[in-house]
Amino acid sequence: MVSAIRFNQFGNPEVLNLETLSEQLPGQGDVWLEQEAIGVNFLDVTQRKGAVPIALPSGLGLEGSGRVAAVGAGVSNVHVGDRVAYATGPIGSYASARLYPAARLVKIPDALSFDDAAAVMFKGLTAQYLLKTTYPVGHGTTILLYGVAGGLGEIMVPWAKHLGATVIGVVSKSASVEKAKALGCDEVLVFDADSLASDVARITEGRKVDVVYDPIGRASFQASLDSLRPRGLMVSFGASSGAPSAVELSTLNSKGSLYLTRPSLAAHTASAAEYQERAKDVLAAIAAGIIKPRIWASYSLADAALAHADLESGRSSGAIILKP
């Protein structure tokens, strides 16, 4: 039998229930995956709350790692016993075992533990496309990055520094400043919507930044726009404080012909080939020591609601995984 988290209505973490389901035989192109670790991401929280709508009843989760236990017809890229990880849909990673499309599985090296793979793949892929596709970060680039003390920030800061960028990090509380500096941030600001843009201008001697990576949303959006140089890029890719308000196109013009994008991991891994190429780059960055998986806490699958509460409240400081 399979243990899986399910929920029937949107709401607080308590809507998550542990249920027992039957095992399934993999069909064409699928595998049956016995999971060793499951990644928890803020997208899971927004889906649970209904801020990102999904059909109910539903499972939850988009990231996991484990071993292939059975393969369906037509599967040739993985075999029974292979160590694998994944970080995209279909939804339902909060489970001890599951069906999953073989083409979306990434083989992981023996040197990478299941726990670390589940903690790094979703965030690593997100960092990869943000730093290399959304804006080609390189030598001379100055970036403003929110949430540097969190799971994604722990990956983006050292990777951006490796690419040659100057990183101005933003944290939510003073207690996170030293951690942000240890990760490699050149400057660290504690978020204050009223002063952030002027602080960025001071630090950069009036030039401001080339690109802002903003997963916060409504509370930070205006400050982010005001921190950009002329023709700079605003990357709004999250909404932990709520979705940003609509933007008048004339605003982008008046602030210096700014660019604005709202990217997603799904759009940057739509094809299996692109997905595998990005995953290959993430694994290479781990092997080279550019990025390092860091697990803040591990919870049992049955305690998924507690993991969500800690993530949503801001108590967490890094990646969270669930163990079946």
C-alpha atoms as a PDB file:
ATOM      1  CA  MET A   1       0.000   0.000   0.000  1.00  0.00           C
ATOM      2  CA  VAL A   2       0.986   3.604  -0.572  1.00  0.00           C
ATOM      3  CA  SER A   3       0.857   6.495   1.894  1.00  0.00           C
ATOM      4  CA  ALA A   4      -0.014   9.814   0.263  1.00  0.00           C
ATOM      5  CA  ILE A   5      -1.020  13.324   1.265  1.00  0.00           C
ATOM      6  CA  ARG A   6      -4.380  14.388  -0.177  1.00  0.00           C
ATOM      7  CA  PHE A   7      -6.669  17.358   0.383  1.00  0.00           C
ATOM      8  CA  ASN A   8     -10.269  18.081  -0.526  1.00  0.00           C
ATOM      9  CA  GLN A   9     -10.492  21.828   0.106  1.00  0.00           C
ATOM     10  CA  PHE A  10      -8.203  24.837   0.052  1.00  0.00           C
ATOM     11  CA  GLY A  11      -7.108  26.263   3.361  1.00  0.00           C
ATOM     12  CA  ASN A  12      -4.636  26.098   6.222  1.00  0.00           C
ATOM     13  CA  PRO A  13      -2.069  23.289   6.575  1.00  0.00           C
ATOM     14  CA  GLU A  14      -4.623  21.229   8.500  1.00  0.00           C
ATOM     15  CA  VAL A  15      -6.482  20.443   5.254  1.00  0.00           C
ATOM     16  CA  LEU A  16      -3.651  18.044   4.380  1.00  0.00           C
ATOM     17  CA  ASN A  17      -4.520  14.434   5.212  1.00  0.00           C
ATOM     18  CA  LEU A  18      -2.448  11.249   5.067  1.00  0.00           C
ATOM     19  CA  GLU A  19      -4.352   8.551   3.159  1.00  0.00           C
ATOM     20  CA  THR A  20      -3.638   4.980   2.113  1.00  0.00           C
ATOM     21  CA  LEU A  21      -3.848   4.237  -1.608  1.00  0.00           C
ATOM     22  CA  SER A  22      -3.310   1.147  -3.740  1.00  0.00           C
ATOM     23  CA  GLU A  23      -0.195   0.553  -5.803  1.00  0.00           C
ATOM     24  CA  GLN A  24      -0.566   0.946  -9.560  1.00  0.00           C
ATOM     25  CA  LEU A  25       0.990  -0.704 -12.590  1.00  0.00           C
ATOM     26  CA  PRO A  26       2.829   1.737 -14.861  1.00  0.00           C
ATOM     27  CA  GLY A  27       1.317   2.297 -18.285  1.00  0.00           C
ATOM     28  CA  GLN A  28       2.825   3.450 -21.549  1.00  0.00           C
ATOM     29  CA  GLY A  29       5.769   5.781 -20.876  1.00  0.00           C
ATOM     30  CA  ASP A  30       5.384   5.709 -17.087  1.00  0.00           C
ATOM     31  CA  VAL A  31       7.313   4.183 -14.203  1.00  0.00           C
ATOM     32  CA  TRP A  32       6.358   3.156 -10.698  1.00  0.00           C
ATOM     33  CA  LEU A  33       8.688   5.059  -8.404  1.00  0.00           C
ATOM     34  CA  GLU A  34       9.393   4.133  -4.799  1.00  0.00           C
ATOM     35  CA  GLN A  35      10.303   7.438  -3.183  1.00  0.00           C
ATOM     36  CA  GLU A  36      13.061   8.087  -0.680  1.00  0.00           C
ATOM     37  CA  ALA A  37      12.648  11.851  -0.206  1.00  0.00           C
ATOM     38  CA  ILE A  38      10.228  14.601  -1.221  1.00  0.00           C
ATOM     39  CA  GLY A  39      10.966  18.277  -1.740  1.00  0.00           C
ATOM     40  CA  VAL A  40       8.706  20.948  -0.243  1.00  0.00           C
ATOM     41  CA  ASN A  41       8.424  24.241  -2.137  1.00  0.00           C
ATOM     42  CA  PHE A  42       6.479  27.447  -1.597  1.00  0.00           C
ATOM     43  CA  LEU A  43       4.473  26.683  -4.738  1.00  0.00           C
ATOM     44  CA  ASP A  44       2.991  23.765  -2.775  1.00  0.00           C
ATOM     45  CA  VAL A  45       1.772  26.235  -0.156  1.00  0.00           C
ATOM     46  CA  THR A  46       0.125  28.504  -2.729  1.00  0.00           C
ATOM     47  CA  GLN A  47      -1.594  25.512  -4.323  1.00  0.00           C
ATOM     48  CA  ARG A  48      -2.830  24.265  -0.948  1.00  0.00           C
ATOM     49  CA  LYS A  49      -4.260  27.703  -0.156  1.00  0.00           C
ATOM     50  CA  GLY A  50      -5.909  28.058  -3.577  1.00  0.00           C
ATOM     51  CA  ALA A  51      -3.823  31.082  -4.606  1.00  0.00           C
ATOM     52  CA  VAL A  52      -2.614  28.918  -7.494  1.00  0.00           C
ATOM     53  CA  PRO A  53      -5.774  27.006  -8.421  1.00  0.00           C
ATOM     54  CA  ILE A  54      -5.698  23.244  -8.948  1.00  0.00           C
ATOM     55  CA  ALA A  55      -8.549  20.761  -9.326  1.00  0.00           C
ATOM     56  CA  LEU A  56      -9.744  19.136  -6.091  1.00  0.00           C
ATOM     57  CA  PRO A  57      -9.517  16.598  -4.574  1.00  0.00           C
ATOM     58  CA  SER A  58      -5.798  16.425  -5.200  1.00  0.00           C
ATOM     59  CA  GLY A  59      -2.414  15.269  -4.099  1.00  0.00           C
ATOM     60  CA  LEU A  60       0.394  17.783  -3.675  1.00  0.00           C
ATOM     61  CA  GLY A  61       4.052  18.252  -4.530  1.00  0.00           C
ATOM     62  CA  LEU A  62       6.245  18.476  -7.637  1.00  0.00           C
ATOM     63  CA  GLU A  63       9.646  17.222  -6.456  1.00  0.00           C
ATOM     64  CA  GLY A  64      11.034  13.933  -5.242  1.00  0.00           C
ATOM     65  CA  SER A  65      13.698  11.249  -5.502  1.00  0.00           C
ATOM     66  CA  GLY A  66      13.805   7.493  -5.270  1.00  0.00           C
ATOM     67  CA  ARG A  67      14.323   4.249  -7.151  1.00  0.00           C
ATOM     68  CA  VAL A  68      12.523   2.951 -10.215  1.00  0.00           C
ATOM     69  CA  ALA A  69      10.518  -0.104  -9.115  1.00  0.00           C
ATOM     70  CA  ALA A  70       8.723  -0.950 -12.374  1.00  0.00           C
ATOM     71  CA  VAL A  71       8.617   0.408 -15.919  1.00  0.00           C
ATOM     72  CA  GLY A  72       5.772   0.608 -18.401  1.00  0.00           C
ATOM     73  CA  ALA A  73       5.746  -0.157 -22.100  1.00  0.00           C
ATOM     74  CA  GLY A  74       8.012   1.974 -24.260  1.00  0.00           C
ATOM     75  CA  VAL A  75      10.309   3.101 -21.441  1.00  0.00           C
ATOM     76  CA  SER A  76      13.994   2.844 -22.339  1.00  0.00           C
ATOM     77  CA  ASN A  77      15.712   5.827 -20.665  1.00  0.00           C
ATOM     78  CA  VAL A  78      15.491   4.367 -17.142  1.00  0.00           C
ATOM     79  CA  HIS A  79      15.510   0.855 -15.736  1.00  0.00           C
ATOM     80  CA  VAL A  80      14.386  -0.908 -12.577  1.00  0.00           C
ATOM     81  CA  GLY A  81      16.730   0.028  -9.744  1.00  0.00           C
ATOM     82  CA  ASP A  82      17.891   3.336 -11.202  1.00  0.00           C
ATOM     83  CA  ARG A  83      18.388   6.221  -8.755  1.00  0.00           C
ATOM     84  CA  VAL A  84      16.350   9.161 -10.036  1.00  0.00           C
ATOM     85  CA  ALA A  85      14.900  12.540  -9.134  1.00  0.00           C
ATOM     86  CA  TYR A  86      12.382  14.943 -10.686  1.00  0.00           C
ATOM     87  CA  ALA A  87      11.102  18.482 -10.214  1.00  0.00           C
ATOM     88  CA  THR A  88       8.048  19.102 -12.376  1.00  0.00           C
ATOM     89  CA  GLY A  89       4.486  17.851 -12.689  1.00  0.00           C
ATOM     90  CA  PRO A  90       2.306  15.927 -12.672  1.00  0.00           C
ATOM     91  CA  ILE A  91       1.439  16.906  -9.134  1.00  0.00           C
ATOM     92  CA  GLY A  92       1.548  14.264  -6.397  1.00  0.00           C
ATOM     93  CA  SER A  93       5.069  13.888  -4.991  1.00  0.00           C
ATOM     94  CA  TYR A  94       3.822  13.846  -1.378  1.00  0.00           C
ATOM     95  CA  ALA A  95       3.623  10.044  -1.394  1.00  0.00           C
ATOM     96  CA  SER A  96       5.692   6.992  -0.513  1.00  0.00           C
ATOM     97  CA  ALA A  97       5.402   5.786  -4.115  1.00  0.00           C
ATOM     98  CA  ARG A  98       3.814   7.056  -7.305  1.00  0.00           C
ATOM     99  CA  LEU A  99       3.439   6.842 -11.063  1.00  0.00           C
ATOM    100  CA  TYR A 100       5.616   9.296 -12.964  1.00  0.00           C
ATOM    101  CA  PRO A 101       6.474   9.942 -16.656  1.00  0.00           C
ATOM    102  CA  ALA A 102       9.804   8.282 -17.449  1.00  0.00           C
ATOM    103  CA  ALA A 103      10.887  11.106 -19.768  1.00  0.00           C
ATOM    104  CA  ARG A 104      10.827  13.563 -16.844  1.00  0.00           C
ATOM    105  CA  LEU A 105      13.063  11.504 -14.564  1.00  0.00           C
ATOM    106  CA  VAL A 106      16.666  12.610 -14.044  1.00  0.00           C
ATOM    107  CA  LYS A 107      19.279   9.987 -13.196  1.00  0.00           C
ATOM    108  CA  ILE A 108      21.323  11.079 -10.200  1.00  0.00           C
ATOM    109  CA  PRO A 109      24.915  10.083  -9.392  1.00  0.00           C
ATOM    110  CA  ASP A 110      25.749   7.861  -6.444  1.00  0.00           C
ATOM    111  CA  ALA A 111      27.579  10.793  -4.831  1.00  0.00           C
ATOM    112  CA  LEU A 112      24.299  12.718  -4.508  1.00  0.00           C
ATOM    113  CA  SER A 113      22.041  11.443  -1.731  1.00  0.00           C
ATOM    114  CA  PHE A 114      18.312  11.041  -2.233  1.00  0.00           C
ATOM    115  CA  ASP A 115      17.696  13.683   0.436  1.00  0.00           C
ATOM    116  CA  ASP A 116      19.961  16.227  -1.245  1.00  0.00           C
ATOM    117  CA  ALA A 117      18.503  15.487  -4.677  1.00  0.00           C
ATOM    118  CA  ALA A 118      14.969  16.114  -3.409  1.00  0.00           C
ATOM    119  CA  ALA A 119      16.095  19.341  -1.731  1.00  0.00           C
ATOM    120  CA  VAL A 120      17.918  20.822  -4.705  1.00  0.00           C
ATOM    121  CA  MET A 121      16.302  19.819  -7.991  1.00  0.00           C
ATOM    122  CA  PHE A 122      13.263  22.150  -8.120  1.00  0.00           C
ATOM    123  CA  LYS A 123      15.173  25.109  -6.720  1.00  0.00           C
ATOM    124  CA  GLY A 124      18.227  24.306  -8.820  1.00  0.00           C
ATOM    125  CA  LEU A 125      16.220  24.254 -12.041  1.00  0.00           C
ATOM    126  CA  THR A 126      14.549  27.517 -11.046  1.00  0.00           C
ATOM    127  CA  ALA A 127      17.906  29.161 -10.348  1.00  0.00           C
ATOM    128  CA  GLN A 128      19.322  27.802 -13.609  1.00  0.00           C
ATOM    129  CA  TYR A 129      16.684  29.292 -15.887  1.00  0.00           C
ATOM    130  CA  LEU A 130      16.514  32.584 -13.954  1.00  0.00           C
ATOM    131  CA  LEU A 131      20.266  33.156 -14.082  1.00  0.00           C
ATOM    132  CA  LYS A 132      20.997  31.792 -17.536  1.00  0.00           C
ATOM    133  CA  THR A 133      17.850  32.327 -19.615  1.00  0.00           C
ATOM    134  CA  THR A 134      15.555  34.940 -18.072  1.00  0.00           C
ATOM    135  CA  TYR A 135      18.583  37.225 -17.737  1.00  0.00           C
ATOM    136  CA  PRO A 136      22.065  36.071 -18.838  1.00  0.00           C
ATOM    137  CA  VAL A 137      23.940  36.924 -15.655  1.00  0.00           C
ATOM    138  CA  GLY A 138      27.690  37.386 -16.100  1.00  0.00           C
ATOM    139  CA  HIS A 139      30.696  39.516 -15.233  1.00  0.00           C
ATOM    140  CA  GLY A 140      29.594  43.090 -14.582  1.00  0.00           C
ATOM    141  CA  THR A 141      25.969  42.191 -13.845  1.00  0.00           C
ATOM    142  CA  THR A 142      24.489  43.642 -10.660  1.00  0.00           C
ATOM    143  CA  ILE A 143      21.434  41.819  -9.313  1.00  0.00           C
ATOM    144  CA  LEU A 144      18.950  42.436  -6.524  1.00  0.00           C
ATOM    145  CA  LEU A 145      17.745  39.161  -5.051  1.00  0.00           C
ATOM    146  CA  TYR A 146      15.073  38.688  -2.389  1.00  0.00           C
ATOM    147  CA  GLY A 147      14.927  35.758   0.007  1.00  0.00           C
ATOM    148  CA  VAL A 148      18.639  35.029  -0.067  1.00  0.00           C
ATOM    149  CA  ALA A 149      18.484  33.168   3.254  1.00  0.00           C
ATOM    150  CA  GLY A 150      15.859  30.736   1.939  1.00  0.00           C
ATOM    151  CA  GLY A 151      16.201  27.532  -0.053  1.00  0.00           C
ATOM    152  CA  LEU A 152      16.292  29.179  -3.489  1.00  0.00           C
ATOM    153  CA  GLY A 153      18.554  31.997  -2.333  1.00  0.00           C
ATOM    154  CA  GLU A 154      21.083  29.486  -0.993  1.00  0.00           C
ATOM    155  CA  ILE A 155      21.469  28.256  -4.569  1.00  0.00           C
ATOM    156  CA  MET A 156      21.123  31.494  -6.530  1.00  0.00           C
ATOM    157  CA  VAL A 157      23.645  33.565  -4.562  1.00  0.00           C
ATOM    158  CA  PRO A 158      26.699  31.313  -5.009  1.00  0.00           C
ATOM    159  CA  TRP A 159      25.749  30.490  -8.597  1.00  0.00           C
ATOM    160  CA  ALA A 160      25.366  34.173  -9.466  1.00  0.00           C
ATOM    161  CA  LYS A 161      28.706  34.928  -7.818  1.00  0.00           C
ATOM    162  CA  HIS A 162      30.335  32.112  -9.804  1.00  0.00           C
ATOM    163  CA  LEU A 163      28.977  33.713 -12.971  1.00  0.00           C
ATOM    164  CA  GLY A 164      30.638  36.983 -12.000  1.00  0.00           C
ATOM    165  CA  ALA A 165      27.713  39.014 -10.667  1.00  0.00           C
ATOM    166  CA  THR A 166      27.561  41.544  -7.864  1.00  0.00           C
ATOM    167  CA  VAL A 167      24.734  40.410  -5.569  1.00  0.00           C
ATOM    168  CA  ILE A 168      22.675  42.716  -3.384  1.00  0.00           C
ATOM    169  CA  GLY A 169      20.659  40.402  -1.176  1.00  0.00           C
ATOM    170  CA  VAL A 170      17.394  41.190   0.571  1.00  0.00           C
ATOM    171  CA  VAL A 171      16.332  39.378   3.746  1.00  0.00           C
ATOM    172  CA  SER A 172      13.202  39.688   5.847  1.00  0.00           C
ATOM    173  CA  LYS A 173      14.873  39.988   9.240  1.00  0.00           C
ATOM    174  CA  SER A 174      18.162  41.126  10.746  1.00  0.00           C
ATOM    175  CA  ALA A 175      18.909  37.629  12.023  1.00  0.00           C
ATOM    176  CA  SER A 176      19.422  36.475   8.420  1.00  0.00           C
ATOM    177  CA  VAL A 177      22.024  39.091   7.480  1.00  0.00           C
ATOM    178  CA  GLU A 178      25.079  37.069   8.527  1.00  0.00           C
ATOM    179  CA  LYS A 179      23.849  33.990   6.688  1.00  0.00           C
ATOM    180  CA  ALA A 180      23.333  36.060   3.543  1.00  0.00           C
ATOM    181  CA  LYS A 181      26.871  37.433   3.799  1.00  0.00           C
ATOM    182  CA  ALA A 182      28.257  33.920   4.331  1.00  0.00           C
ATOM    183  CA  LEU A 183      26.557  32.794   1.116  1.00  0.00           C
ATOM    184  CA  GLY A 184      28.480  35.469  -0.768  1.00  0.00           C
ATOM    185  CA  CYS A 185      26.239  38.524  -0.995  1.00  0.00           C
ATOM    186  CA  ASP A 186      28.223  41.707  -1.607  1.00  0.00           C
ATOM    187  CA  GLU A 187      25.624  43.763   0.261  1.00  0.00           C
ATOM    188  CA  VAL A 188      22.622  42.753   2.363  1.00  0.00           C
ATOM    189  CA  LEU A 189      19.497  44.801   3.028  1.00  0.00           C
ATOM    190  CA  VAL A 190      16.717  44.034   5.499  1.00  0.00           C
ATOM    191  CA  PHE A 191      13.509  44.588   3.555  1.00  0.00           C
ATOM    192  CA  ASP A 192      11.827  47.955   3.997  1.00  0.00           C
ATOM    193  CA  ALA A 193       9.612  48.925   1.090  1.00  0.00           C
ATOM    194  CA  ASP A 194      10.031  52.620   1.803  1.00  0.00           C
ATOM    195  CA  SER A 195      13.835  52.692   1.806  1.00  0.00           C
ATOM    196  CA  LEU A 196      14.940  49.761  -0.337  1.00  0.00           C
ATOM    197  CA  ALA A 197      15.222  51.613  -3.660  1.00  0.00           C
ATOM    198  CA  SER A 198      17.173  54.498  -2.131  1.00  0.00           C
ATOM    199  CA  ASP A 199      19.485  52.019  -0.378  1.00  0.00           C
ATOM    200  CA  VAL A 200      20.114  50.260  -3.704  1.00  0.00           C
ATOM    201  CA  ALA A 201      20.868  53.608  -5.364  1.00  0.00           C
ATOM    202  CA  ARG A 202      23.316  54.452  -2.561  1.00  0.00           C
ATOM    203  CA  ILE A 203      25.107  51.109  -2.771  1.00  0.00           C
ATOM    204  CA  THR A 204      25.445  51.325  -6.565  1.00  0.00           C
ATOM    205  CA  GLU A 205      26.376  55.029  -6.562  1.00  0.00           C
ATOM    206  CA  GLY A 206      23.202  55.883  -8.412  1.00  0.00           C
ATOM    207  CA  ARG A 207      23.444  53.286 -11.167  1.00  0.00           C
ATOM    208  CA  LYS A 208      20.940  50.842  -9.602  1.00  0.00           C
ATOM    209  CA  VAL A 209      20.718  47.190 -10.697  1.00  0.00           C
ATOM    210  CA  ASP A 210      20.477  45.359 -14.011  1.00  0.00           C
ATOM    211  CA  VAL A 211      17.914  42.798 -12.870  1.00  0.00           C
ATOM    212  CA  VAL A 212      15.673  42.232  -9.859  1.00  0.00           C
ATOM    213  CA  TYR A 213      14.618  38.707  -8.885  1.00  0.00           C
ATOM    214  CA  ASP A 214      11.451  39.181  -6.833  1.00  0.00           C
ATOM    215  CA  PRO A 215       9.474  36.199  -5.443  1.00  0.00           C
ATOM    216  CA  ILE A 216       7.666  38.349  -2.872  1.00  0.00           C
ATOM    217  CA  GLY A 217       5.027  39.986  -5.061  1.00  0.00           C
ATOM    218  CA  ARG A 218       2.677  42.702  -3.919  1.00  0.00           C
ATOM    219  CA  ALA A 219       4.655  44.045  -0.947  1.00  0.00           C
ATOM    220  CA  SER A 220       7.908  44.506  -2.840  1.00  0.00           C
ATOM    221  CA  PHE A 221       6.849  45.176  -6.421  1.00  0.00           C
ATOM    222  CA  GLN A 222       7.080  48.967  -6.441  1.00  0.00           C
ATOM    223  CA  ALA A 223      10.390  49.009  -4.571  1.00  0.00           C
ATOM    224  CA  SER A 224      11.754  46.496  -7.059  1.00  0.00           C
ATOM    225  CA  LEU A 225      10.800  48.618 -10.058  1.00  0.00           C
ATOM    226  CA  ASP A 226      12.392  51.670  -8.449  1.00  0.00           C
ATOM    227  CA  SER A 227      15.647  49.737  -7.916  1.00  0.00           C
ATOM    228  CA  LEU A 228      16.219  49.113 -11.633  1.00  0.00           C
ATOM    229  CA  ARG A 229      18.509  51.039 -13.941  1.00  0.00           C
ATOM    230  CA  PRO A 230      17.057  52.302 -17.243  1.00  0.00           C
ATOM    231  CA  ARG A 231      16.185  49.313 -19.451  1.00  0.00           C
ATOM    232  CA  GLY A 232      16.631  47.001 -16.477  1.00  0.00           C
ATOM    233  CA  LEU A 233      14.633  43.779 -16.103  1.00  0.00           C
ATOM    234  CA  MET A 234      12.046  43.130 -13.396  1.00  0.00           C
ATOM    235  CA  VAL A 235      11.632  39.382 -12.818  1.00  0.00           C
ATOM    236  CA  SER A 236       8.495  38.733 -10.780  1.00  0.00           C
ATOM    237  CA  PHE A 237       8.354  34.973 -10.225  1.00  0.00           C
ATOM    238  CA  GLY A 238       6.539  34.492  -6.928  1.00  0.00           C
ATOM    239  CA  ALA A 239       3.793  35.944  -4.777  1.00  0.00           C
ATOM    240  CA  SER A 240       4.421  35.104  -1.130  1.00  0.00           C
ATOM    241  CA  SER A 241       2.840  38.455  -0.168  1.00  0.00           C
ATOM    242  CA  GLY A 242       0.108  38.213  -2.787  1.00  0.00           C
ATOM    243  CA  ALA A 243       0.042  38.768  -6.529  1.00  0.00           C
ATOM    244  CA  PRO A 244       1.365  42.149  -7.703  1.00  0.00           C
ATOM    245  CA  SER A 245      -1.167  44.705  -8.862  1.00  0.00           C
ATOM    246  CA  ALA A 246      -1.636  45.348 -12.557  1.00  0.00           C
ATOM    247  CA  VAL A 247       1.003  47.579 -14.128  1.00  0.00           C
ATOM    248  CA  GLU A 248       0.290  50.424 -16.506  1.00  0.00           C
ATOM    249  CA  LEU A 249       2.589  50.122 -19.520  1.00  0.00           C
ATOM    250  CA  SER A 250       3.302  53.828 -19.278  1.00  0.00           C
ATOM    251  CA  THR A 251       4.867  53.178 -15.863  1.00  0.00           C
ATOM    252  CA  LEU A 252       7.570  51.031 -17.438  1.00  0.00           C
ATOM    253  CA  ASN A 253       8.254  53.843 -19.906  1.00  0.00           C
ATOM    254  CA  SER A 254       8.426  56.590 -17.316  1.00  0.00           C
ATOM    255  CA  LYS A 255      10.833  54.627 -15.098  1.00  0.00           C
ATOM    256  CA  GLY A 256      13.374  54.212 -17.900  1.00  0.00           C
ATOM    257  CA  SER A 257      11.983  51.821 -20.529  1.00  0.00           C
ATOM    258  CA  LEU A 258      11.973  48.924 -18.078  1.00  0.00           C
ATOM    259  CA  TYR A 259      11.371  45.312 -19.004  1.00  0.00           C
ATOM    260  CA  LEU A 260       8.986  43.118 -17.002  1.00  0.00           C
ATOM    261  CA  THR A 261       8.539  39.363 -17.058  1.00  0.00           C
ATOM    262  CA  ARG A 262       6.586  36.792 -15.060  1.00  0.00           C
ATOM    263  CA  PRO A 263       8.376  33.479 -15.789  1.00  0.00           C
ATOM    264  CA  SER A 264       7.642  29.940 -14.622  1.00  0.00           C
ATOM    265  CA  LEU A 265       9.613  26.734 -14.334  1.00  0.00           C
ATOM    266  CA  ALA A 266       6.944  24.911 -16.329  1.00  0.00           C
ATOM    267  CA  ALA A 267       7.437  27.184 -19.344  1.00  0.00           C
ATOM    268  CA  HIS A 268      11.211  26.711 -19.186  1.00  0.00           C
ATOM    269  CA  THR A 269      11.032  22.907 -18.982  1.00  0.00           C
ATOM    270  CA  ALA A 270       8.090  22.321 -21.320  1.00  0.00           C
ATOM    271  CA  SER A 271       9.941  19.825 -23.499  1.00  0.00           C
ATOM    272  CA  ALA A 272      11.690  16.777 -22.083  1.00  0.00           C
ATOM    273  CA  ALA A 273      14.878  17.757 -23.944  1.00  0.00           C
ATOM    274  CA  GLU A 274      15.040  21.251 -22.421  1.00  0.00           C
ATOM    275  CA  TYR A 275      14.181  19.871 -19.000  1.00  0.00           C
ATOM    276  CA  GLN A 276      16.988  17.314 -19.167  1.00  0.00           C
ATOM    277  CA  GLU A 277      19.515  19.910 -20.372  1.00  0.00           C
ATOM    278  CA  ARG A 278      18.722  22.234 -17.485  1.00  0.00           C
ATOM    279  CA  ALA A 279      18.860  19.344 -15.003  1.00  0.00           C
ATOM    280  CA  LYS A 280      22.228  18.312 -16.430  1.00  0.00           C
ATOM    281  CA  ASP A 281      23.527  21.830 -15.772  1.00  0.00           C
ATOM    282  CA  VAL A 282      22.240  21.721 -12.173  1.00  0.00           C
ATOM    283  CA  LEU A 283      23.947  18.370 -11.526  1.00  0.00           C
ATOM    284  CA  ALA A 284      27.164  19.706 -13.065  1.00  0.00           C
ATOM    285  CA  ALA A 285      27.038  22.756 -10.783  1.00  0.00           C
ATOM    286  CA  ILE A 286      26.616  20.476  -7.760  1.00  0.00           C
ATOM    287  CA  ALA A 287      29.487  18.226  -8.868  1.00  0.00           C
ATOM    288  CA  ALA A 288      31.727  21.278  -9.323  1.00  0.00           C
ATOM    289  CA  GLY A 289      30.865  22.574  -5.851  1.00  0.00           C
ATOM    290  CA  ILE A 290      29.318  25.753  -7.260  1.00  0.00           C
ATOM    291  CA  ILE A 291      26.061  25.054  -5.454  1.00  0.00           C
ATOM    292  CA  LYS A 292      25.545  22.861  -2.402  1.00  0.00           C
ATOM    293  CA  PRO A 293      22.321  21.226  -1.212  1.00  0.00           C
ATOM    294  CA  ARG A 294      21.437  22.512   2.241  1.00  0.00           C
ATOM    295  CA  ILE A 295      18.565  20.921   4.160  1.00  0.00           C
ATOM    296  CA  TRP A 296      17.099  23.039   6.937  1.00  0.00           C
ATOM    297  CA  ALA A 297      14.743  20.339   8.239  1.00  0.00           C
ATOM    298  CA  SER A 298      13.397  16.887   7.456  1.00  0.00           C
ATOM    299  CA  TYR A 299       9.841  15.862   8.407  1.00  0.00           C
ATOM    300  CA  SER A 300       7.945  12.608   8.110  1.00  0.00           C
ATOM    301  CA  LEU A 301       5.368  12.500   5.339  1.00  0.00           C
ATOM    302  CA  ALA A 302       2.673  12.351   8.016  1.00  0.00           C
ATOM    303  CA  ASP A 303       3.906  15.737   9.277  1.00  0.00           C
ATOM    304  CA  ALA A 304       3.490  17.535   5.958  1.00  0.00           C
ATOM    305  CA  ALA A 305       1.118  20.043   7.589  1.00  0.00           C
ATOM    306  CA  LEU A 306       3.803  20.978  10.126  1.00  0.00           C
ATOM    307  CA  ALA A 307       6.355  21.422   7.344  1.00  0.00           C
ATOM    308  CA  HIS A 308       3.946  23.763   5.550  1.00  0.00           C
ATOM    309  CA  ALA A 309       3.295  25.747   8.715  1.00  0.00           C
ATOM    310  CA  ASP A 310       7.024  26.243   9.301  1.00  0.00           C
ATOM    311  CA  LEU A 311       7.627  27.272   5.681  1.00  0.00           C
ATOM    312  CA  GLU A 312       4.649  29.622   5.497  1.00  0.00           C
ATOM    313  CA  SER A 313       5.359  31.315   8.833  1.00  0.00           C
ATOM    314  CA  GLY A 314       8.957  32.140   7.965  1.00  0.00           C
ATOM    315  CA  ARG A 315      10.376  29.891  10.690  1.00  0.00           C
ATOM    316  CA  SER A 316      12.288  27.872   8.112  1.00  0.00           C
ATOM    317  CA  SER A 317      15.660  28.962   6.776  1.00  0.00           C
ATOM    318  CA  GLY A 318      16.516  26.713   3.848  1.00  0.00           C
ATOM    319  CA  ALA A 319      15.241  23.632   2.072  1.00  0.00           C
ATOM    320  CA  ILE A 320      12.631  21.351   3.622  1.00  0.00           C
ATOM    321  CA  ILE A 321      12.122  17.698   2.731  1.00  0.00           C
ATOM    322  CA  LEU A 322       9.610  15.008   3.677  1.00  0.00           C
ATOM    323  CA  LYS A 323      10.546  11.392   4.312  1.00  0.00           C
ATOM    324  CA  PRO A 324       7.995   8.640   3.509  1.00  0.00           C
END
